[in-house]
Structure formats: structure tokens, C-alpha cells
Amino acid sequence: MRRVIVKAVSQIDLAIFYESVDGTFSLIDRLDSFDAWERQVGLILHLAQKQGTDEPEMELEIGGDYY
């Protein structure tokens, strides 16, 4: 698991853009469906509200395909 910061979301691309907390990498998660994107964005909005920020931190399991 890696700690990342949510930097942006794109409904048009069904993508979520992340950056590692230490700034060593960034990645784009392109989701397969609007429903999956909507669920992930819902989680992000919940974390943002809980953390009181527009760029919440979260943990992601990151595989080799992301590098």
C-alpha cells in the first residue's frame, strides 16, 4: 500500500489523478465504467470532507502496471 494525494478527477476521461505523498511518483487511474468512477469519487469526496481538504490523502495498492 502506498499513501497518495488525490490531485484531480476527470469525468470525461473517467480518470483520477494521484501523486505520492513524498512526491516521488504520480499516476492516473482510468476506470472501466462510470459506476466505478462514481464510487471512487464518492470515497474521495468523503475523505476530503473528513480531512478538511480539497486534496485528500488515501492508501492505494499499486501494481507494476502503474509505474
PDB file of N, CA and C in Angstrom:
ATOM      1  N   MET A   1       0.840  -1.179   0.000  1.00  0.00           N
ATOM      2  CA  MET A   1       0.000   0.000   0.000  1.00  0.00           C
ATOM      3  C   MET A   1       0.887   1.244   0.000  1.00  0.00           C
ATOM      4  N   ARG A   2       0.485   2.203  -0.793  1.00  0.00           N
ATOM      5  CA  ARG A   2       1.207   3.480  -0.877  1.00  0.00           C
ATOM      6  C   ARG A   2       0.267   4.621  -0.529  1.00  0.00           C
ATOM      7  N   ARG A   3       0.780   5.604   0.194  1.00  0.00           N
ATOM      8  CA  ARG A   3      -0.004   6.807   0.504  1.00  0.00           C
ATOM      9  C   ARG A   3       0.092   7.778  -0.649  1.00  0.00           C
ATOM     10  N   VAL A   4      -1.069   8.199  -1.123  1.00  0.00           N
ATOM     11  CA  VAL A   4      -1.123   9.129  -2.246  1.00  0.00           C
ATOM     12  C   VAL A   4      -2.063  10.278  -1.921  1.00  0.00           C
ATOM     13  N   ILE A   5      -1.921  11.355  -2.682  1.00  0.00           N
ATOM     14  CA  ILE A   5      -2.795  12.521  -2.583  1.00  0.00           C
ATOM     15  C   ILE A   5      -3.597  12.579  -3.872  1.00  0.00           C
ATOM     16  N   VAL A   6      -4.888  12.785  -3.749  1.00  0.00           N
ATOM     17  CA  VAL A   6      -5.733  12.953  -4.925  1.00  0.00           C
ATOM     18  C   VAL A   6      -5.508  14.363  -5.452  1.00  0.00           C
ATOM     19  N   LYS A   7      -5.052  14.463  -6.697  1.00  0.00           N
ATOM     20  CA  LYS A   7      -4.753  15.767  -7.288  1.00  0.00           C
ATOM     21  C   LYS A   7      -5.887  16.281  -8.163  1.00  0.00           C
ATOM     22  N   ALA A   8      -6.585  15.387  -8.876  1.00  0.00           N
ATOM     23  CA  ALA A   8      -7.668  15.812  -9.770  1.00  0.00           C
ATOM     24  C   ALA A   8      -8.505  14.611 -10.175  1.00  0.00           C
ATOM     25  N   VAL A   9      -9.715  14.895 -10.625  1.00  0.00           N
ATOM     26  CA  VAL A   9     -10.589  13.868 -11.196  1.00  0.00           C
ATOM     27  C   VAL A   9     -11.123  14.387 -12.533  1.00  0.00           C
ATOM     28  N   SER A  10     -11.379  13.469 -13.451  1.00  0.00           N
ATOM     29  CA  SER A  10     -11.914  13.837 -14.759  1.00  0.00           C
ATOM     30  C   SER A  10     -13.083  12.921 -15.094  1.00  0.00           C
ATOM     31  N   GLN A  11     -14.272  13.497 -15.160  1.00  0.00           N
ATOM     32  CA  GLN A  11     -15.442  12.710 -15.524  1.00  0.00           C
ATOM     33  C   GLN A  11     -15.393  12.349 -17.011  1.00  0.00           C
ATOM     34  N   ILE A  12     -14.887  13.233 -17.833  1.00  0.00           N
ATOM     35  CA  ILE A  12     -14.808  12.977 -19.273  1.00  0.00           C
ATOM     36  C   ILE A  12     -13.934  11.750 -19.556  1.00  0.00           C
ATOM     37  N   ASP A  13     -12.786  11.664 -18.890  1.00  0.00           N
ATOM     38  CA  ASP A  13     -11.844  10.564 -19.108  1.00  0.00           C
ATOM     39  C   ASP A  13     -12.087   9.383 -18.171  1.00  0.00           C
ATOM     40  N   LEU A  14     -13.028   9.514 -17.234  1.00  0.00           N
ATOM     41  CA  LEU A  14     -13.232   8.513 -16.169  1.00  0.00           C
ATOM     42  C   LEU A  14     -11.903   8.199 -15.494  1.00  0.00           C
ATOM     43  N   ALA A  15     -11.170   9.247 -15.140  1.00  0.00           N
ATOM     44  CA  ALA A  15      -9.826   9.091 -14.576  1.00  0.00           C
ATOM     45  C   ALA A  15      -9.689   9.863 -13.263  1.00  0.00           C
ATOM     46  N   ILE A  16      -8.778   9.355 -12.437  1.00  0.00           N
ATOM     47  CA  ILE A  16      -8.424  10.022 -11.191  1.00  0.00           C
ATOM     48  C   ILE A  16      -6.904  10.132 -11.171  1.00  0.00           C
ATOM     49  N   PHE A  17      -6.427  11.318 -10.852  1.00  0.00           N
ATOM     50  CA  PHE A  17      -5.002  11.614 -10.877  1.00  0.00           C
ATOM     51  C   PHE A  17      -4.473  11.682  -9.449  1.00  0.00           C
ATOM     52  N   TYR A  18      -3.405  10.928  -9.192  1.00  0.00           N
ATOM     53  CA  TYR A  18      -2.812  10.851  -7.863  1.00  0.00           C
ATOM     54  C   TYR A  18      -1.337  11.242  -7.923  1.00  0.00           C
ATOM     55  N   GLU A  19      -0.805  11.632  -6.751  1.00  0.00           N
ATOM     56  CA  GLU A  19       0.626  11.862  -6.585  1.00  0.00           C
ATOM     57  C   GLU A  19       1.012  11.282  -5.232  1.00  0.00           C
ATOM     58  N   SER A  20       2.188  10.675  -5.160  1.00  0.00           N
ATOM     59  CA  SER A  20       2.625  10.125  -3.878  1.00  0.00           C
ATOM     60  C   SER A  20       2.837  11.259  -2.874  1.00  0.00           C
ATOM     61  N   VAL A  21       2.663  10.942  -1.612  1.00  0.00           N
ATOM     62  CA  VAL A  21       2.822  11.937  -0.554  1.00  0.00           C
ATOM     63  C   VAL A  21       4.228  12.516  -0.573  1.00  0.00           C
ATOM     64  N   ASP A  22       5.219  11.675  -0.874  1.00  0.00           N
ATOM     65  CA  ASP A  22       6.611  12.166  -0.902  1.00  0.00           C
ATOM     66  C   ASP A  22       6.997  12.776  -2.252  1.00  0.00           C
ATOM     67  N   GLY A  23       6.080  12.786  -3.215  1.00  0.00           N
ATOM     68  CA  GLY A  23       6.336  13.419  -4.495  1.00  0.00           C
ATOM     69  C   GLY A  23       7.203  12.626  -5.457  1.00  0.00           C
ATOM     70  N   THR A  24       7.473  11.355  -5.154  1.00  0.00           N
ATOM     71  CA  THR A  24       8.371  10.568  -6.000  1.00  0.00           C
ATOM     72  C   THR A  24       7.692   9.998  -7.246  1.00  0.00           C
ATOM     73  N   PHE A  25       6.366   9.916  -7.266  1.00  0.00           N
ATOM     74  CA  PHE A  25       5.690   9.419  -8.453  1.00  0.00           C
ATOM     75  C   PHE A  25       4.279   9.983  -8.527  1.00  0.00           C
ATOM     76  N   SER A  26       3.722   9.937  -9.736  1.00  0.00           N
ATOM     77  CA  SER A  26       2.320  10.282  -9.938  1.00  0.00           C
ATOM     78  C   SER A  26       1.722   9.217 -10.842  1.00  0.00           C
ATOM     79  N   LEU A  27       0.413   9.075 -10.789  1.00  0.00           N
ATOM     80  CA  LEU A  27      -0.233   8.067 -11.601  1.00  0.00           C
ATOM     81  C   LEU A  27      -1.641   8.495 -11.960  1.00  0.00           C
ATOM     82  N   ILE A  28      -2.149   7.875 -12.999  1.00  0.00           N
ATOM     83  CA  ILE A  28      -3.517   8.114 -13.454  1.00  0.00           C
ATOM     84  C   ILE A  28      -4.250   6.786 -13.382  1.00  0.00           C
ATOM     85  N   ASP A  29      -5.361   6.769 -12.687  1.00  0.00           N
ATOM     86  CA  ASP A  29      -6.210   5.578 -12.606  1.00  0.00           C
ATOM     87  C   ASP A  29      -7.390   5.799 -13.542  1.00  0.00           C
ATOM     88  N   ARG A  30      -7.411   5.091 -14.664  1.00  0.00           N
ATOM     89  CA  ARG A  30      -8.517   5.187 -15.625  1.00  0.00           C
ATOM     90  C   ARG A  30      -9.477   4.042 -15.350  1.00  0.00           C
ATOM     91  N   LEU A  31     -10.687   4.387 -14.915  1.00  0.00           N
ATOM     92  CA  LEU A  31     -11.657   3.373 -14.542  1.00  0.00           C
ATOM     93  C   LEU A  31     -12.432   2.881 -15.762  1.00  0.00           C
ATOM     94  N   ASP A  32     -12.937   1.656 -15.655  1.00  0.00           N
ATOM     95  CA  ASP A  32     -13.597   0.996 -16.783  1.00  0.00           C
ATOM     96  C   ASP A  32     -15.022   1.452 -17.028  1.00  0.00           C
ATOM     97  N   SER A  33     -15.679   1.962 -15.997  1.00  0.00           N
ATOM     98  CA  SER A  33     -17.087   2.343 -16.150  1.00  0.00           C
ATOM     99  C   SER A  33     -17.388   3.595 -15.329  1.00  0.00           C
ATOM    100  N   PHE A  34     -18.472   4.251 -15.699  1.00  0.00           N
ATOM    101  CA  PHE A  34     -18.892   5.428 -14.946  1.00  0.00           C
ATOM    102  C   PHE A  34     -19.249   5.046 -13.516  1.00  0.00           C
ATOM    103  N   ASP A  35     -19.877   3.887 -13.321  1.00  0.00           N
ATOM    104  CA  ASP A  35     -20.256   3.451 -11.975  1.00  0.00           C
ATOM    105  C   ASP A  35     -19.024   3.292 -11.075  1.00  0.00           C
ATOM    106  N   ALA A  36     -17.976   2.689 -11.600  1.00  0.00           N
ATOM    107  CA  ALA A  36     -16.735   2.530 -10.822  1.00  0.00           C
ATOM    108  C   ALA A  36     -16.124   3.887 -10.510  1.00  0.00           C
ATOM    109  N   TRP A  37     -16.106   4.778 -11.503  1.00  0.00           N
ATOM    110  CA  TRP A  37     -15.571   6.124 -11.299  1.00  0.00           C
ATOM    111  C   TRP A  37     -16.380   6.857 -10.233  1.00  0.00           C
ATOM    112  N   GLU A  38     -17.702   6.748 -10.325  1.00  0.00           N
ATOM    113  CA  GLU A  38     -18.591   7.430  -9.381  1.00  0.00           C
ATOM    114  C   GLU A  38     -18.387   6.929  -7.952  1.00  0.00           C
ATOM    115  N   ARG A  39     -18.204   5.626  -7.774  1.00  0.00           N
ATOM    116  CA  ARG A  39     -17.938   5.068  -6.433  1.00  0.00           C
ATOM    117  C   ARG A  39     -16.623   5.603  -5.874  1.00  0.00           C
ATOM    118  N   GLN A  40     -15.575   5.625  -6.705  1.00  0.00           N
ATOM    119  CA  GLN A  40     -14.268   6.109  -6.252  1.00  0.00           C
ATOM    120  C   GLN A  40     -14.325   7.596  -5.906  1.00  0.00           C
ATOM    121  N   VAL A  41     -15.003   8.384  -6.724  1.00  0.00           N
ATOM    122  CA  VAL A  41     -15.134   9.814  -6.452  1.00  0.00           C
ATOM    123  C   VAL A  41     -15.938  10.031  -5.172  1.00  0.00           C
ATOM    124  N   GLY A  42     -16.957   9.212  -4.934  1.00  0.00           N
ATOM    125  CA  GLY A  42     -17.717   9.297  -3.682  1.00  0.00           C
ATOM    126  C   GLY A  42     -16.821   9.077  -2.476  1.00  0.00           C
ATOM    127  N   LEU A  43     -15.943   8.085  -2.556  1.00  0.00           N
ATOM    128  CA  LEU A  43     -14.986   7.827  -1.477  1.00  0.00           C
ATOM    129  C   LEU A  43     -14.041   9.013  -1.302  1.00  0.00           C
ATOM    130  N   ILE A  44     -13.559   9.557  -2.414  1.00  0.00           N
ATOM    131  CA  ILE A  44     -12.650  10.703  -2.365  1.00  0.00           C
ATOM    132  C   ILE A  44     -13.337  11.911  -1.712  1.00  0.00           C
ATOM    133  N   LEU A  45     -14.582  12.176  -2.091  1.00  0.00           N
ATOM    134  CA  LEU A  45     -15.312  13.306  -1.505  1.00  0.00           C
ATOM    135  C   LEU A  45     -15.529  13.106  -0.009  1.00  0.00           C
ATOM    136  N   HIS A  46     -15.810  11.878   0.393  1.00  0.00           N
ATOM    137  CA  HIS A  46     -15.969  11.575   1.825  1.00  0.00           C
ATOM    138  C   HIS A  46     -14.661  11.841   2.569  1.00  0.00           C
ATOM    139  N   LEU A  47     -13.549  11.363   2.013  1.00  0.00           N
ATOM    140  CA  LEU A  47     -12.247  11.597   2.648  1.00  0.00           C
ATOM    141  C   LEU A  47     -11.899  13.081   2.690  1.00  0.00           C
ATOM    142  N   ALA A  48     -12.210  13.800   1.620  1.00  0.00           N
ATOM    143  CA  ALA A  48     -11.928  15.232   1.577  1.00  0.00           C
ATOM    144  C   ALA A  48     -12.686  15.973   2.668  1.00  0.00           C
ATOM    145  N   GLN A  49     -13.945  15.612   2.848  1.00  0.00           N
ATOM    146  CA  GLN A  49     -14.754  16.245   3.893  1.00  0.00           C
ATOM    147  C   GLN A  49     -14.210  15.890   5.274  1.00  0.00           C
ATOM    148  N   LYS A  50     -13.866  14.636   5.472  1.00  0.00           N
ATOM    149  CA  LYS A  50     -13.349  14.173   6.766  1.00  0.00           C
ATOM    150  C   LYS A  50     -11.999  14.821   7.091  1.00  0.00           C
ATOM    151  N   GLN A  51     -11.135  14.959   6.066  1.00  0.00           N
ATOM    152  CA  GLN A  51      -9.800  15.529   6.270  1.00  0.00           C
ATOM    153  C   GLN A  51      -9.795  17.052   6.170  1.00  0.00           C
ATOM    154  N   GLY A  52     -10.880  17.647   5.687  1.00  0.00           N
ATOM    155  CA  GLY A  52     -10.964  19.097   5.576  1.00  0.00           C
ATOM    156  C   GLY A  52     -10.027  19.684   4.527  1.00  0.00           C
ATOM    157  N   THR A  53      -9.921  19.003   3.372  1.00  0.00           N
ATOM    158  CA  THR A  53      -9.018  19.448   2.318  1.00  0.00           C
ATOM    159  C   THR A  53      -9.612  19.135   0.950  1.00  0.00           C
ATOM    160  N   ASP A  54      -9.110  19.819  -0.080  1.00  0.00           N
ATOM    161  CA  ASP A  54      -9.512  19.522  -1.459  1.00  0.00           C
ATOM    162  C   ASP A  54      -8.655  18.418  -2.072  1.00  0.00           C
ATOM    163  N   GLU A  55      -7.540  18.087  -1.445  1.00  0.00           N
ATOM    164  CA  GLU A  55      -6.635  17.057  -1.948  1.00  0.00           C
ATOM    165  C   GLU A  55      -6.395  16.019  -0.849  1.00  0.00           C
ATOM    166  N   PRO A  56      -7.374  15.121  -0.639  1.00  0.00           N
ATOM    167  CA  PRO A  56      -7.251  14.165   0.465  1.00  0.00           C
ATOM    168  C   PRO A  56      -6.156  13.126   0.218  1.00  0.00           C
ATOM    169  N   GLU A  57      -5.631  12.611   1.316  1.00  0.00           N
ATOM    170  CA  GLU A  57      -4.666  11.512   1.263  1.00  0.00           C
ATOM    171  C   GLU A  57      -5.418  10.212   1.422  1.00  0.00           C
ATOM    172  N   MET A  58      -4.934   9.184   0.731  1.00  0.00           N
ATOM    173  CA  MET A  58      -5.510   7.859   0.873  1.00  0.00           C
ATOM    174  C   MET A  58      -4.448   6.817   0.571  1.00  0.00           C
ATOM    175  N   GLU A  59      -4.732   5.573   0.906  1.00  0.00           N
ATOM    176  CA  GLU A  59      -3.810   4.486   0.610  1.00  0.00           C
ATOM    177  C   GLU A  59      -4.331   3.707  -0.583  1.00  0.00           C
ATOM    178  N   LEU A  60      -3.434   3.397  -1.507  1.00  0.00           N
ATOM    179  CA  LEU A  60      -3.773   2.604  -2.686  1.00  0.00           C
ATOM    180  C   LEU A  60      -2.820   1.434  -2.794  1.00  0.00           C
ATOM    181  N   GLU A  61      -3.348   0.310  -3.261  1.00  0.00           N
ATOM    182  CA  GLU A  61      -2.491  -0.807  -3.611  1.00  0.00           C
ATOM    183  C   GLU A  61      -2.090  -0.587  -5.060  1.00  0.00           C
ATOM    184  N   ILE A  62      -0.810  -0.441  -5.295  1.00  0.00           N
ATOM    185  CA  ILE A  62      -0.321  -0.073  -6.614  1.00  0.00           C
ATOM    186  C   ILE A  62       0.501  -1.218  -7.178  1.00  0.00           C
ATOM    187  N   GLY A  63       0.088  -1.696  -8.353  1.00  0.00           N
ATOM    188  CA  GLY A  63       0.806  -2.769  -9.031  1.00  0.00           C
ATOM    189  C   GLY A  63       1.820  -2.221 -10.012  1.00  0.00           C
ATOM    190  N   GLY A  64       2.581  -3.098 -10.628  1.00  0.00           N
ATOM    191  CA  GLY A  64       3.620  -2.712 -11.566  1.00  0.00           C
ATOM    192  C   GLY A  64       3.118  -1.965 -12.794  1.00  0.00           C
ATOM    193  N   ASP A  65       1.856  -2.162 -13.158  1.00  0.00           N
ATOM    194  CA  ASP A  65       1.313  -1.501 -14.338  1.00  0.00           C
ATOM    195  C   ASP A  65       1.244   0.010 -14.206  1.00  0.00           C
ATOM    196  N   TYR A  66       1.310   0.536 -13.007  1.00  0.00           N
ATOM    197  CA  TYR A  66       1.157   1.967 -12.787  1.00  0.00           C
ATOM    198  C   TYR A  66       2.452   2.747 -12.976  1.00  0.00           C
ATOM    199  N   TYR A  67       3.592   2.067 -12.986  1.00  0.00           N
ATOM    200  CA  TYR A  67       4.855   2.789 -12.999  1.00  0.00           C
ATOM    201  C   TYR A  67       5.282   3.194 -14.360  1.00  0.00           C
TER     202      TYR A  67
END
